[in-house]
Amino acid sequence: MSTVGVIAFQGDFHRHLQVFAELGLDARPIRRREEIAGVDGLVIPGGESTTIGMLMDRFGLLRPAIDAVAGGLPVMGTCAGAILLSREIVGTDQVRLGVLDAVIERNAYGRQVDSFEAAIAVPELGDDPVTGVFIRAPRFVSVGSGVEVLARFEDAPILVRQDRVLALSFHPELTGDYRIHRLFASMIVSAGVSA
């Protein structure tokens, strides 16, 4: 059974844990550096990216997470997690992993009161659209040549993959549609590595 670790400082990490458990994976909250060892995939959930990054750094998780991803560990970032995975964040030098060749803009669709849902076409996941829940969502401004765009909204990339890194601007854990979590689970299985 594959083990997924979910960074569990802030955000809706409980829901990610529940979804992966329902998919038959061993899902564990990650709060200490030693907990990264032995996981087959890592998730950085939504929340507040500066807070999550600061806490990952303070609790010694940042460097081990960067090293694990560099070593082939699959990682998925949703909303704030996508910000933390990106190489560059517009207008800030906040702490980040920087493992995704992308430039991202925080709060690109507005404040909390501007949150919305949209039907998102993701051809790799079938004909039925995915419901994207956008809450203070970021937007990818640009992506490198090695980054595959899996979905767009208003012509901007919102779901991207680079090798074993999956990043998205929205919250798939809030919809009851587990296809994106299944996609990440398949990336873990195909990687066949542990940190």
N, C-alpha and C. Protein backbone atom coordinates (compact mmCIF):
# COMPACT_ATOMS: atom_id res chain seq x y z
N MET A 1 0.85 -1.19 0.00
CA MET A 1 0.00 0.00 0.00
C MET A 1 0.89 1.25 0.00
N SER A 2 0.59 2.17 -0.90
CA SER A 2 1.35 3.42 -0.96
C SER A 2 0.97 4.34 0.19
N THR A 3 1.94 5.11 0.63
CA THR A 3 1.75 6.04 1.74
C THR A 3 1.86 7.47 1.23
N VAL A 4 0.85 8.27 1.52
CA VAL A 4 0.85 9.68 1.16
C VAL A 4 0.96 10.51 2.43
N GLY A 5 1.90 11.43 2.44
CA GLY A 5 2.03 12.35 3.55
C GLY A 5 1.45 13.69 3.16
N VAL A 6 0.66 14.28 4.05
CA VAL A 6 0.05 15.58 3.80
C VAL A 6 0.57 16.57 4.84
N ILE A 7 1.20 17.64 4.37
CA ILE A 7 1.69 18.67 5.29
C ILE A 7 0.49 19.19 6.08
N ALA A 8 0.58 19.14 7.41
CA ALA A 8 -0.61 19.30 8.24
C ALA A 8 -0.49 20.43 9.25
N PHE A 9 -0.05 21.59 8.79
CA PHE A 9 0.01 22.76 9.66
C PHE A 9 -1.24 23.61 9.56
N GLN A 10 -1.82 23.69 8.38
CA GLN A 10 -2.89 24.65 8.14
C GLN A 10 -3.65 24.21 6.90
N GLY A 11 -4.82 24.78 6.71
CA GLY A 11 -5.60 24.46 5.51
C GLY A 11 -6.43 23.20 5.70
N ASP A 12 -6.98 22.71 4.61
CA ASP A 12 -7.90 21.58 4.66
C ASP A 12 -7.17 20.25 4.51
N PHE A 13 -6.09 20.09 5.27
CA PHE A 13 -5.31 18.86 5.17
C PHE A 13 -6.11 17.64 5.60
N HIS A 14 -7.05 17.81 6.54
CA HIS A 14 -7.88 16.68 6.98
C HIS A 14 -8.66 16.08 5.81
N ARG A 15 -9.17 16.93 4.95
CA ARG A 15 -9.96 16.44 3.82
C ARG A 15 -9.09 15.68 2.83
N HIS A 16 -7.87 16.17 2.57
CA HIS A 16 -6.95 15.42 1.70
C HIS A 16 -6.67 14.04 2.30
N LEU A 17 -6.41 14.00 3.60
CA LEU A 17 -6.15 12.71 4.26
C LEU A 17 -7.34 11.77 4.08
N GLN A 18 -8.55 12.30 4.23
CA GLN A 18 -9.75 11.49 4.10
C GLN A 18 -9.90 10.96 2.68
N VAL A 19 -9.67 11.82 1.68
CA VAL A 19 -9.82 11.39 0.28
C VAL A 19 -8.84 10.27 -0.03
N PHE A 20 -7.57 10.44 0.32
CA PHE A 20 -6.59 9.40 0.02
C PHE A 20 -6.89 8.11 0.76
N ALA A 21 -7.37 8.21 2.00
CA ALA A 21 -7.75 7.01 2.75
C ALA A 21 -8.90 6.30 2.04
N GLU A 22 -9.88 7.06 1.55
CA GLU A 22 -11.00 6.45 0.83
C GLU A 22 -10.55 5.80 -0.47
N LEU A 23 -9.44 6.28 -1.03
CA LEU A 23 -8.88 5.68 -2.24
C LEU A 23 -7.99 4.47 -1.94
N GLY A 24 -7.86 4.14 -0.66
CA GLY A 24 -7.11 2.95 -0.28
C GLY A 24 -5.64 3.17 -0.03
N LEU A 25 -5.22 4.40 0.13
CA LEU A 25 -3.83 4.70 0.44
C LEU A 25 -3.67 4.93 1.94
N ASP A 26 -2.48 4.69 2.43
CA ASP A 26 -2.15 5.02 3.81
C ASP A 26 -1.84 6.51 3.84
N ALA A 27 -2.71 7.30 4.44
CA ALA A 27 -2.56 8.76 4.44
C ALA A 27 -2.16 9.23 5.84
N ARG A 28 -1.06 9.99 5.90
CA ARG A 28 -0.52 10.41 7.19
C ARG A 28 -0.30 11.92 7.23
N PRO A 29 -0.63 12.57 8.35
CA PRO A 29 -0.28 13.99 8.51
C PRO A 29 1.22 14.11 8.73
N ILE A 30 1.81 15.15 8.16
CA ILE A 30 3.25 15.39 8.28
C ILE A 30 3.46 16.74 8.98
N ARG A 31 4.13 16.70 10.14
CA ARG A 31 4.44 17.92 10.88
C ARG A 31 5.91 18.00 11.30
N ARG A 32 6.61 16.87 11.22
CA ARG A 32 8.02 16.84 11.63
C ARG A 32 8.87 16.25 10.51
N ARG A 33 10.12 16.67 10.45
CA ARG A 33 10.99 16.28 9.34
C ARG A 33 11.13 14.77 9.21
N GLU A 34 11.20 14.05 10.33
CA GLU A 34 11.39 12.61 10.27
C GLU A 34 10.18 11.88 9.68
N GLU A 35 9.02 12.55 9.67
CA GLU A 35 7.81 11.92 9.13
C GLU A 35 7.81 11.85 7.60
N ILE A 36 8.68 12.63 6.95
CA ILE A 36 8.77 12.55 5.49
C ILE A 36 9.39 11.23 5.06
N ALA A 37 10.31 10.71 5.88
CA ALA A 37 10.98 9.46 5.53
C ALA A 37 9.95 8.34 5.41
N GLY A 38 10.00 7.63 4.32
CA GLY A 38 9.11 6.48 4.14
C GLY A 38 7.82 6.78 3.41
N VAL A 39 7.47 8.05 3.17
CA VAL A 39 6.25 8.31 2.39
C VAL A 39 6.57 8.14 0.91
N ASP A 40 5.56 7.76 0.16
CA ASP A 40 5.71 7.54 -1.28
C ASP A 40 5.26 8.74 -2.10
N GLY A 41 4.59 9.68 -1.45
CA GLY A 41 4.13 10.90 -2.11
C GLY A 41 3.84 11.94 -1.04
N LEU A 42 3.94 13.21 -1.43
CA LEU A 42 3.75 14.31 -0.48
C LEU A 42 2.75 15.30 -1.05
N VAL A 43 1.87 15.81 -0.19
CA VAL A 43 0.87 16.79 -0.59
C VAL A 43 1.05 18.05 0.25
N ILE A 44 1.06 19.19 -0.43
CA ILE A 44 1.06 20.49 0.26
C ILE A 44 -0.31 21.10 -0.03
N PRO A 45 -1.16 21.21 0.98
CA PRO A 45 -2.55 21.64 0.76
C PRO A 45 -2.69 23.15 0.63
N GLY A 46 -3.92 23.57 0.43
CA GLY A 46 -4.24 24.99 0.44
C GLY A 46 -4.14 25.54 1.86
N GLY A 47 -4.31 26.83 1.97
CA GLY A 47 -4.16 27.53 3.24
C GLY A 47 -3.53 28.88 2.94
N GLU A 48 -2.62 29.30 3.78
CA GLU A 48 -1.91 30.56 3.56
C GLU A 48 -0.45 30.20 3.28
N SER A 49 -0.01 30.49 2.06
CA SER A 49 1.30 30.00 1.62
C SER A 49 2.45 30.52 2.47
N THR A 50 2.40 31.78 2.90
CA THR A 50 3.51 32.28 3.70
C THR A 50 3.57 31.57 5.05
N THR A 51 2.42 31.28 5.64
CA THR A 51 2.37 30.58 6.92
C THR A 51 2.86 29.15 6.78
N ILE A 52 2.36 28.43 5.77
CA ILE A 52 2.77 27.03 5.58
C ILE A 52 4.28 26.96 5.31
N GLY A 53 4.77 27.85 4.44
CA GLY A 53 6.20 27.86 4.14
C GLY A 53 7.04 28.17 5.37
N MET A 54 6.61 29.15 6.14
CA MET A 54 7.34 29.52 7.35
C MET A 54 7.37 28.36 8.34
N LEU A 55 6.23 27.68 8.52
CA LEU A 55 6.17 26.56 9.45
C LEU A 55 6.97 25.36 8.95
N MET A 56 6.95 25.11 7.65
CA MET A 56 7.78 24.03 7.09
C MET A 56 9.25 24.33 7.37
N ASP A 57 9.64 25.58 7.22
CA ASP A 57 11.02 25.97 7.48
C ASP A 57 11.34 25.85 8.97
N ARG A 58 10.48 26.38 9.82
CA ARG A 58 10.71 26.39 11.26
C ARG A 58 10.80 24.97 11.84
N PHE A 59 9.98 24.06 11.31
CA PHE A 59 9.97 22.69 11.84
C PHE A 59 10.91 21.76 11.08
N GLY A 60 11.77 22.34 10.23
CA GLY A 60 12.80 21.56 9.56
C GLY A 60 12.31 20.68 8.43
N LEU A 61 11.14 21.00 7.87
CA LEU A 61 10.58 20.18 6.79
C LEU A 61 10.97 20.67 5.40
N LEU A 62 11.33 21.92 5.28
CA LEU A 62 11.53 22.51 3.96
C LEU A 62 12.65 21.83 3.19
N ARG A 63 13.84 21.78 3.76
CA ARG A 63 14.98 21.18 3.06
C ARG A 63 14.77 19.70 2.78
N PRO A 64 14.28 18.90 3.75
CA PRO A 64 14.03 17.49 3.44
C PRO A 64 12.98 17.30 2.34
N ALA A 65 11.98 18.19 2.30
CA ALA A 65 10.97 18.08 1.24
C ALA A 65 11.58 18.40 -0.12
N ILE A 66 12.40 19.45 -0.19
CA ILE A 66 13.07 19.80 -1.45
C ILE A 66 13.96 18.65 -1.90
N ASP A 67 14.75 18.10 -0.98
CA ASP A 67 15.66 17.01 -1.31
C ASP A 67 14.90 15.76 -1.76
N ALA A 68 13.78 15.46 -1.08
CA ALA A 68 13.00 14.28 -1.43
C ALA A 68 12.40 14.41 -2.84
N VAL A 69 11.88 15.60 -3.15
CA VAL A 69 11.32 15.82 -4.49
C VAL A 69 12.42 15.74 -5.54
N ALA A 70 13.58 16.33 -5.24
CA ALA A 70 14.72 16.25 -6.16
C ALA A 70 15.14 14.80 -6.38
N GLY A 71 14.93 13.96 -5.38
CA GLY A 71 15.25 12.54 -5.48
C GLY A 71 14.18 11.71 -6.13
N GLY A 72 13.09 12.34 -6.57
CA GLY A 72 12.05 11.62 -7.29
C GLY A 72 10.74 11.42 -6.56
N LEU A 73 10.61 11.94 -5.35
CA LEU A 73 9.36 11.78 -4.61
C LEU A 73 8.25 12.59 -5.28
N PRO A 74 7.13 11.98 -5.65
CA PRO A 74 6.02 12.75 -6.22
C PRO A 74 5.44 13.72 -5.19
N VAL A 75 5.07 14.92 -5.66
CA VAL A 75 4.50 15.93 -4.79
C VAL A 75 3.33 16.59 -5.51
N MET A 76 2.26 16.87 -4.75
CA MET A 76 1.11 17.59 -5.28
C MET A 76 0.88 18.82 -4.40
N GLY A 77 0.68 19.97 -5.05
CA GLY A 77 0.36 21.19 -4.33
C GLY A 77 -0.95 21.76 -4.82
N THR A 78 -1.86 22.04 -3.89
CA THR A 78 -3.15 22.63 -4.24
C THR A 78 -3.20 24.05 -3.68
N CYS A 79 -3.53 25.01 -4.53
CA CYS A 79 -3.68 26.41 -4.15
C CYS A 79 -2.40 26.94 -3.49
N ALA A 80 -2.37 27.11 -2.19
CA ALA A 80 -1.14 27.57 -1.52
C ALA A 80 0.01 26.62 -1.78
N GLY A 81 -0.29 25.32 -1.88
CA GLY A 81 0.75 24.35 -2.18
C GLY A 81 1.38 24.58 -3.53
N ALA A 82 0.58 24.98 -4.52
CA ALA A 82 1.11 25.30 -5.85
C ALA A 82 2.03 26.51 -5.79
N ILE A 83 1.68 27.47 -4.95
CA ILE A 83 2.53 28.64 -4.77
C ILE A 83 3.89 28.21 -4.21
N LEU A 84 3.88 27.38 -3.19
CA LEU A 84 5.11 26.95 -2.55
C LEU A 84 5.97 26.08 -3.45
N LEU A 85 5.36 25.38 -4.40
CA LEU A 85 6.14 24.55 -5.32
C LEU A 85 6.81 25.36 -6.41
N SER A 86 6.28 26.53 -6.73
CA SER A 86 6.74 27.30 -7.88
C SER A 86 8.11 27.94 -7.67
N ARG A 87 8.84 28.05 -8.77
CA ARG A 87 10.18 28.65 -8.77
C ARG A 87 10.13 30.12 -8.39
N GLU A 88 9.12 30.84 -8.91
CA GLU A 88 9.02 32.28 -8.67
C GLU A 88 7.59 32.65 -8.31
N ILE A 89 7.45 33.53 -7.31
CA ILE A 89 6.15 34.02 -6.89
C ILE A 89 6.15 35.53 -7.13
N VAL A 90 5.21 35.99 -7.91
CA VAL A 90 5.18 37.41 -8.29
C VAL A 90 5.10 38.29 -7.05
N GLY A 91 6.03 39.25 -6.94
CA GLY A 91 5.96 40.27 -5.91
C GLY A 91 6.43 39.88 -4.53
N THR A 92 7.03 38.69 -4.37
CA THR A 92 7.47 38.29 -3.03
C THR A 92 8.65 37.33 -3.13
N ASP A 93 9.47 37.36 -2.10
CA ASP A 93 10.58 36.40 -2.01
C ASP A 93 10.34 35.43 -0.86
N GLN A 94 9.07 35.16 -0.56
CA GLN A 94 8.70 34.28 0.55
C GLN A 94 9.35 32.90 0.39
N VAL A 95 9.43 32.18 1.49
CA VAL A 95 9.95 30.82 1.51
C VAL A 95 9.15 29.95 0.54
N ARG A 96 9.86 29.09 -0.18
CA ARG A 96 9.20 28.17 -1.12
C ARG A 96 10.10 26.99 -1.38
N LEU A 97 9.52 25.94 -1.97
CA LEU A 97 10.33 24.79 -2.37
C LEU A 97 11.01 25.08 -3.71
N GLY A 98 10.29 25.75 -4.63
CA GLY A 98 10.88 26.13 -5.91
C GLY A 98 11.20 24.97 -6.83
N VAL A 99 10.47 23.88 -6.75
CA VAL A 99 10.77 22.67 -7.53
C VAL A 99 10.00 22.61 -8.85
N LEU A 100 9.09 23.55 -9.09
CA LEU A 100 8.30 23.60 -10.31
C LEU A 100 8.74 24.80 -11.13
N ASP A 101 9.06 24.56 -12.40
CA ASP A 101 9.54 25.63 -13.28
C ASP A 101 8.35 26.47 -13.73
N ALA A 102 7.91 27.35 -12.84
CA ALA A 102 6.73 28.17 -13.11
C ALA A 102 6.82 29.47 -12.33
N VAL A 103 6.15 30.48 -12.88
CA VAL A 103 5.96 31.75 -12.18
C VAL A 103 4.48 31.81 -11.83
N ILE A 104 4.18 32.12 -10.58
CA ILE A 104 2.80 32.09 -10.11
C ILE A 104 2.47 33.42 -9.41
N GLU A 105 1.21 33.82 -9.53
CA GLU A 105 0.72 35.05 -8.89
C GLU A 105 -0.28 34.67 -7.81
N ARG A 106 -0.05 35.15 -6.60
CA ARG A 106 -0.96 34.88 -5.48
C ARG A 106 -2.25 35.68 -5.64
N ASN A 107 -3.35 35.14 -5.09
CA ASN A 107 -4.65 35.84 -5.04
C ASN A 107 -5.02 36.46 -6.38
N ALA A 108 -4.76 35.74 -7.46
CA ALA A 108 -4.93 36.30 -8.80
C ALA A 108 -6.40 36.51 -9.17
N TYR A 109 -7.29 35.81 -8.50
CA TYR A 109 -8.72 35.92 -8.82
C TYR A 109 -9.48 36.72 -7.77
N GLY A 110 -8.77 37.38 -6.87
CA GLY A 110 -9.44 38.21 -5.88
C GLY A 110 -9.34 37.67 -4.47
N ARG A 111 -10.04 38.33 -3.58
CA ARG A 111 -10.01 38.00 -2.16
C ARG A 111 -10.98 36.87 -1.83
N GLN A 112 -11.07 36.55 -0.56
CA GLN A 112 -11.94 35.45 -0.10
C GLN A 112 -13.38 35.63 -0.60
N VAL A 113 -13.88 36.85 -0.58
CA VAL A 113 -15.26 37.10 -0.99
C VAL A 113 -15.46 36.90 -2.49
N ASP A 114 -14.37 36.83 -3.23
CA ASP A 114 -14.45 36.61 -4.67
C ASP A 114 -14.33 35.14 -5.04
N SER A 115 -14.36 34.26 -4.07
CA SER A 115 -14.25 32.82 -4.32
C SER A 115 -15.37 32.36 -5.25
N PHE A 116 -15.07 31.32 -6.05
CA PHE A 116 -16.06 30.84 -7.01
C PHE A 116 -15.76 29.40 -7.40
N GLU A 117 -16.72 28.79 -8.09
CA GLU A 117 -16.54 27.47 -8.67
C GLU A 117 -16.67 27.59 -10.18
N ALA A 118 -15.95 26.73 -10.90
CA ALA A 118 -16.02 26.73 -12.37
C ALA A 118 -15.83 25.31 -12.87
N ALA A 119 -16.49 25.01 -13.99
CA ALA A 119 -16.30 23.72 -14.65
C ALA A 119 -15.01 23.79 -15.46
N ILE A 120 -14.10 22.86 -15.19
CA ILE A 120 -12.78 22.87 -15.80
C ILE A 120 -12.61 21.61 -16.65
N ALA A 121 -12.30 21.80 -17.92
CA ALA A 121 -12.02 20.67 -18.80
C ALA A 121 -10.61 20.18 -18.54
N VAL A 122 -10.50 18.88 -18.20
CA VAL A 122 -9.21 18.22 -18.01
C VAL A 122 -9.23 16.98 -18.89
N PRO A 123 -8.86 17.09 -20.17
CA PRO A 123 -8.99 15.97 -21.10
C PRO A 123 -8.39 14.66 -20.60
N GLU A 124 -7.29 14.74 -19.87
CA GLU A 124 -6.65 13.52 -19.36
C GLU A 124 -7.55 12.76 -18.39
N LEU A 125 -8.51 13.45 -17.78
CA LEU A 125 -9.39 12.82 -16.79
C LEU A 125 -10.76 12.44 -17.35
N GLY A 126 -10.93 12.56 -18.66
CA GLY A 126 -12.20 12.17 -19.28
C GLY A 126 -12.98 13.37 -19.79
N ASP A 127 -14.17 13.05 -20.30
CA ASP A 127 -15.00 14.08 -20.93
C ASP A 127 -15.71 14.98 -19.93
N ASP A 128 -16.05 14.45 -18.75
CA ASP A 128 -16.76 15.25 -17.76
C ASP A 128 -15.82 16.27 -17.13
N PRO A 129 -16.24 17.53 -17.05
CA PRO A 129 -15.36 18.54 -16.45
C PRO A 129 -15.18 18.30 -14.95
N VAL A 130 -14.10 18.83 -14.44
CA VAL A 130 -13.81 18.83 -13.02
C VAL A 130 -14.35 20.14 -12.46
N THR A 131 -14.93 20.10 -11.26
CA THR A 131 -15.34 21.35 -10.62
C THR A 131 -14.15 21.95 -9.90
N GLY A 132 -13.77 23.13 -10.33
CA GLY A 132 -12.68 23.83 -9.67
C GLY A 132 -13.23 24.78 -8.62
N VAL A 133 -12.79 24.62 -7.38
CA VAL A 133 -13.17 25.53 -6.29
C VAL A 133 -11.99 26.47 -6.07
N PHE A 134 -12.21 27.74 -6.39
CA PHE A 134 -11.15 28.76 -6.34
C PHE A 134 -11.38 29.66 -5.13
N ILE A 135 -10.46 29.58 -4.17
CA ILE A 135 -10.55 30.38 -2.95
C ILE A 135 -9.25 31.17 -2.81
N ARG A 136 -9.30 32.49 -3.03
CA ARG A 136 -8.08 33.31 -3.04
C ARG A 136 -7.02 32.62 -3.89
N ALA A 137 -7.43 32.18 -5.06
CA ALA A 137 -6.62 31.26 -5.86
C ALA A 137 -5.49 31.96 -6.59
N PRO A 138 -4.37 31.24 -6.72
CA PRO A 138 -3.27 31.74 -7.54
C PRO A 138 -3.50 31.40 -9.01
N ARG A 139 -2.67 32.01 -9.86
CA ARG A 139 -2.73 31.72 -11.30
C ARG A 139 -1.28 31.62 -11.79
N PHE A 140 -1.02 30.61 -12.61
CA PHE A 140 0.31 30.50 -13.22
C PHE A 140 0.44 31.56 -14.30
N VAL A 141 1.44 32.41 -14.16
CA VAL A 141 1.70 33.47 -15.13
C VAL A 141 2.47 32.91 -16.31
N SER A 142 3.40 32.01 -16.03
CA SER A 142 4.15 31.34 -17.09
C SER A 142 4.68 30.02 -16.55
N VAL A 143 4.93 29.10 -17.47
CA VAL A 143 5.50 27.80 -17.12
C VAL A 143 6.64 27.49 -18.08
N GLY A 144 7.62 26.74 -17.60
CA GLY A 144 8.75 26.36 -18.42
C GLY A 144 8.39 25.33 -19.47
N SER A 145 9.32 25.10 -20.38
CA SER A 145 9.05 24.20 -21.51
C SER A 145 8.85 22.76 -21.07
N GLY A 146 9.36 22.39 -19.90
CA GLY A 146 9.18 21.03 -19.41
C GLY A 146 7.92 20.83 -18.59
N VAL A 147 7.08 21.85 -18.52
CA VAL A 147 5.85 21.78 -17.73
C VAL A 147 4.67 21.55 -18.66
N GLU A 148 3.91 20.51 -18.37
CA GLU A 148 2.73 20.16 -19.17
C GLU A 148 1.49 20.83 -18.56
N VAL A 149 0.76 21.57 -19.37
CA VAL A 149 -0.47 22.20 -18.91
C VAL A 149 -1.63 21.23 -19.13
N LEU A 150 -2.25 20.78 -18.04
CA LEU A 150 -3.35 19.82 -18.11
C LEU A 150 -4.71 20.51 -18.17
N ALA A 151 -4.80 21.75 -17.68
CA ALA A 151 -6.07 22.49 -17.71
C ALA A 151 -5.80 23.98 -17.62
N ARG A 152 -6.73 24.74 -18.21
CA ARG A 152 -6.66 26.20 -18.19
C ARG A 152 -8.01 26.76 -17.76
N PHE A 153 -7.97 27.99 -17.25
CA PHE A 153 -9.17 28.75 -16.97
C PHE A 153 -8.89 30.17 -17.43
N GLU A 154 -9.77 30.70 -18.27
CA GLU A 154 -9.57 32.04 -18.85
C GLU A 154 -8.17 32.15 -19.46
N ASP A 155 -7.78 31.10 -20.19
CA ASP A 155 -6.50 31.02 -20.91
C ASP A 155 -5.27 30.90 -20.03
N ALA A 156 -5.40 30.90 -18.73
CA ALA A 156 -4.24 30.75 -17.84
C ALA A 156 -4.15 29.30 -17.35
N PRO A 157 -2.94 28.75 -17.28
CA PRO A 157 -2.78 27.40 -16.71
C PRO A 157 -3.22 27.37 -15.26
N ILE A 158 -3.97 26.33 -14.90
CA ILE A 158 -4.40 26.17 -13.51
C ILE A 158 -4.13 24.76 -12.97
N LEU A 159 -3.73 23.84 -13.86
CA LEU A 159 -3.37 22.48 -13.48
C LEU A 159 -2.19 22.08 -14.34
N VAL A 160 -1.04 21.87 -13.71
CA VAL A 160 0.18 21.59 -14.45
C VAL A 160 0.93 20.41 -13.84
N ARG A 161 1.77 19.79 -14.70
CA ARG A 161 2.58 18.66 -14.24
C ARG A 161 3.98 18.80 -14.83
N GLN A 162 4.96 18.59 -13.99
CA GLN A 162 6.35 18.56 -14.42
C GLN A 162 6.99 17.35 -13.77
N ASP A 163 7.29 16.34 -14.56
CA ASP A 163 7.84 15.10 -14.04
C ASP A 163 6.91 14.56 -12.94
N ARG A 164 7.38 14.56 -11.70
CA ARG A 164 6.58 14.02 -10.59
C ARG A 164 5.99 15.11 -9.71
N VAL A 165 5.87 16.32 -10.27
CA VAL A 165 5.26 17.45 -9.55
C VAL A 165 3.92 17.76 -10.20
N LEU A 166 2.86 17.77 -9.41
CA LEU A 166 1.51 18.12 -9.87
C LEU A 166 1.07 19.34 -9.06
N ALA A 167 0.64 20.40 -9.75
CA ALA A 167 0.25 21.62 -9.04
C ALA A 167 -1.01 22.19 -9.64
N LEU A 168 -1.90 22.68 -8.78
CA LEU A 168 -3.16 23.22 -9.26
C LEU A 168 -3.59 24.41 -8.43
N SER A 169 -4.31 25.32 -9.09
CA SER A 169 -4.74 26.57 -8.47
C SER A 169 -5.95 26.42 -7.58
N PHE A 170 -6.65 25.31 -7.70
CA PHE A 170 -7.94 25.16 -7.02
C PHE A 170 -7.89 24.03 -6.00
N HIS A 171 -9.04 23.77 -5.38
CA HIS A 171 -9.16 22.80 -4.28
C HIS A 171 -9.97 21.58 -4.73
N PRO A 172 -9.32 20.49 -5.16
CA PRO A 172 -10.07 19.31 -5.59
C PRO A 172 -10.66 18.51 -4.43
N GLU A 173 -10.15 18.74 -3.23
CA GLU A 173 -10.60 17.96 -2.08
C GLU A 173 -11.98 18.37 -1.59
N LEU A 174 -12.51 19.48 -2.11
CA LEU A 174 -13.78 20.01 -1.61
C LEU A 174 -15.00 19.61 -2.43
N THR A 175 -14.81 18.79 -3.46
CA THR A 175 -15.89 18.56 -4.42
C THR A 175 -16.52 17.18 -4.39
N GLY A 176 -15.87 16.20 -3.83
CA GLY A 176 -16.38 14.83 -3.91
C GLY A 176 -15.96 14.12 -5.19
N ASP A 177 -15.25 14.79 -6.08
CA ASP A 177 -14.71 14.21 -7.30
C ASP A 177 -13.24 13.90 -7.03
N TYR A 178 -12.90 12.63 -7.02
CA TYR A 178 -11.56 12.21 -6.59
C TYR A 178 -10.61 12.01 -7.76
N ARG A 179 -10.96 12.44 -8.96
CA ARG A 179 -10.12 12.13 -10.12
C ARG A 179 -8.72 12.74 -10.04
N ILE A 180 -8.59 13.92 -9.51
CA ILE A 180 -7.25 14.52 -9.41
C ILE A 180 -6.43 13.78 -8.36
N HIS A 181 -7.03 13.41 -7.25
CA HIS A 181 -6.32 12.61 -6.26
C HIS A 181 -5.94 11.24 -6.84
N ARG A 182 -6.79 10.66 -7.66
CA ARG A 182 -6.45 9.39 -8.32
C ARG A 182 -5.28 9.59 -9.28
N LEU A 183 -5.27 10.71 -10.00
CA LEU A 183 -4.16 11.02 -10.89
C LEU A 183 -2.86 11.08 -10.10
N PHE A 184 -2.88 11.75 -8.96
CA PHE A 184 -1.66 11.82 -8.15
C PHE A 184 -1.30 10.45 -7.61
N ALA A 185 -2.30 9.67 -7.19
CA ALA A 185 -2.02 8.31 -6.71
C ALA A 185 -1.35 7.48 -7.81
N SER A 186 -1.78 7.67 -9.06
CA SER A 186 -1.16 6.92 -10.17
C SER A 186 0.29 7.38 -10.39
N MET A 187 0.57 8.66 -10.14
CA MET A 187 1.95 9.15 -10.23
C MET A 187 2.82 8.49 -9.16
N ILE A 188 2.26 8.29 -7.98
CA ILE A 188 2.99 7.63 -6.89
C ILE A 188 3.30 6.19 -7.27
N VAL A 189 2.30 5.49 -7.78
CA VAL A 189 2.48 4.09 -8.15
C VAL A 189 3.53 3.97 -9.25
N SER A 190 3.46 4.84 -10.26
CA SER A 190 4.43 4.75 -11.37
C SER A 190 5.83 5.15 -10.93
N ALA A 191 5.94 6.01 -9.89
CA ALA A 191 7.27 6.40 -9.39
C ALA A 191 7.94 5.24 -8.67
N GLY A 192 7.16 4.54 -7.85
CA GLY A 192 7.67 3.37 -7.14
C GLY A 192 8.88 3.64 -6.26
N VAL A 193 8.91 4.85 -5.66
CA VAL A 193 10.04 5.20 -4.80
C VAL A 193 9.54 5.68 -3.45
N SER A 194 10.38 5.56 -2.45
CA SER A 194 10.14 6.15 -1.14
C SER A 194 11.22 7.17 -0.86
N ALA A 195 10.89 8.15 -0.03
CA ALA A 195 11.87 9.18 0.32
C ALA A 195 13.00 8.55 1.12
